[in-house]
Amino acid sequence: MGRWAMTGSPQSDARLSEVRFLTVAEVATLMRVSKMTVYRLVHSGELTAVRVGRSFRVPEHAVHEYLRGAFQETA
């Protein structure tokens, strides 16, 4: 196996193919904040992201989880 070979199970590979990744700009638009705010959340670890080259991609479910947690903190 090469360095880049996938070693996940068929179930985890299927779930990964269902993940929708958003750009930082898309996340900022969705959350109605600036791109810098999204970068701060990613760098602080509050928002899960994957680095692709020099940019980040955020799983859509991570945005929903973050927002759900933010609502619970303010309630």
Protein backbone atom coordinates (compact mmCIF):
# COMPACT_ATOMS: atom_id res chain seq x y z
CA MET A 1 0.00 0.00 0.00
CA GLY A 2 1.18 3.48 -0.84
CA ARG A 3 1.37 6.46 1.41
CA TRP A 4 -1.98 7.80 0.21
CA ALA A 5 -3.97 4.55 0.33
CA MET A 6 -7.34 4.64 2.08
CA THR A 7 -7.53 2.18 4.94
CA GLY A 8 -11.07 2.83 6.17
CA SER A 9 -13.86 0.32 6.29
CA PRO A 10 -16.44 0.22 3.48
CA GLN A 11 -18.99 1.78 5.86
CA SER A 12 -16.73 4.70 6.81
CA ASP A 13 -15.76 5.21 3.15
CA ALA A 14 -19.46 5.38 2.23
CA ARG A 15 -20.15 7.90 5.00
CA LEU A 16 -17.16 10.01 3.91
CA SER A 17 -18.50 10.15 0.36
CA GLU A 18 -21.74 11.60 1.75
CA VAL A 19 -19.97 14.47 3.55
CA ARG A 20 -20.51 17.86 1.94
CA PHE A 21 -17.52 20.15 2.33
CA LEU A 22 -17.90 23.93 2.37
CA THR A 23 -15.33 26.62 1.66
CA VAL A 24 -14.53 29.23 4.28
CA ALA A 25 -16.46 31.78 2.21
CA GLU A 26 -19.52 29.50 2.10
CA VAL A 27 -19.36 28.94 5.86
CA ALA A 28 -19.07 32.70 6.44
CA THR A 29 -22.12 33.32 4.26
CA LEU A 30 -24.10 30.55 5.97
CA MET A 31 -23.24 31.85 9.45
CA ARG A 32 -23.43 35.51 8.38
CA VAL A 33 -19.99 36.30 9.75
CA SER A 34 -16.72 37.37 8.14
CA LYS A 35 -14.25 34.92 6.63
CA MET A 36 -11.77 36.01 9.32
CA THR A 37 -14.21 34.85 12.00
CA VAL A 38 -14.42 31.44 10.34
CA TYR A 39 -10.60 31.24 10.17
CA ARG A 40 -10.42 32.09 13.89
CA LEU A 41 -12.92 29.32 14.69
CA VAL A 42 -10.95 26.82 12.61
CA HIS A 43 -7.56 27.78 14.08
CA SER A 44 -8.92 27.68 17.65
CA GLY A 45 -10.34 24.20 17.07
CA GLU A 46 -13.93 25.29 17.69
CA LEU A 47 -14.86 24.42 14.11
CA THR A 48 -13.61 21.21 12.49
CA ALA A 49 -11.90 21.64 9.14
CA VAL A 50 -9.69 19.77 6.70
CA ARG A 51 -6.72 21.44 5.11
CA VAL A 52 -6.62 21.02 1.32
CA GLY A 53 -3.46 22.57 -0.05
CA ARG A 54 -3.40 26.11 1.29
CA SER A 55 -7.12 26.34 1.99
CA PHE A 56 -9.60 24.79 4.38
CA ARG A 57 -12.77 22.82 3.80
CA VAL A 58 -15.34 22.53 6.55
CA PRO A 59 -17.73 19.57 6.74
CA GLU A 60 -21.27 20.92 6.61
CA HIS A 61 -22.27 18.85 9.65
CA ALA A 62 -19.50 20.57 11.66
CA VAL A 63 -21.11 23.96 10.99
CA HIS A 64 -24.49 22.65 12.15
CA GLU A 65 -22.93 21.11 15.29
CA TYR A 66 -21.15 24.38 16.10
CA LEU A 67 -24.33 26.40 15.70
CA ARG A 68 -26.36 23.90 17.73
CA GLY A 69 -23.77 24.20 20.52
CA ALA A 70 -23.85 28.00 20.31
CA PHE A 71 -27.63 27.98 20.74
CA GLN A 72 -27.37 25.69 23.78
CA GLU A 73 -24.80 28.00 25.41
CA THR A 74 -27.05 31.03 25.08
CA ALA A 75 -30.25 29.29 26.18
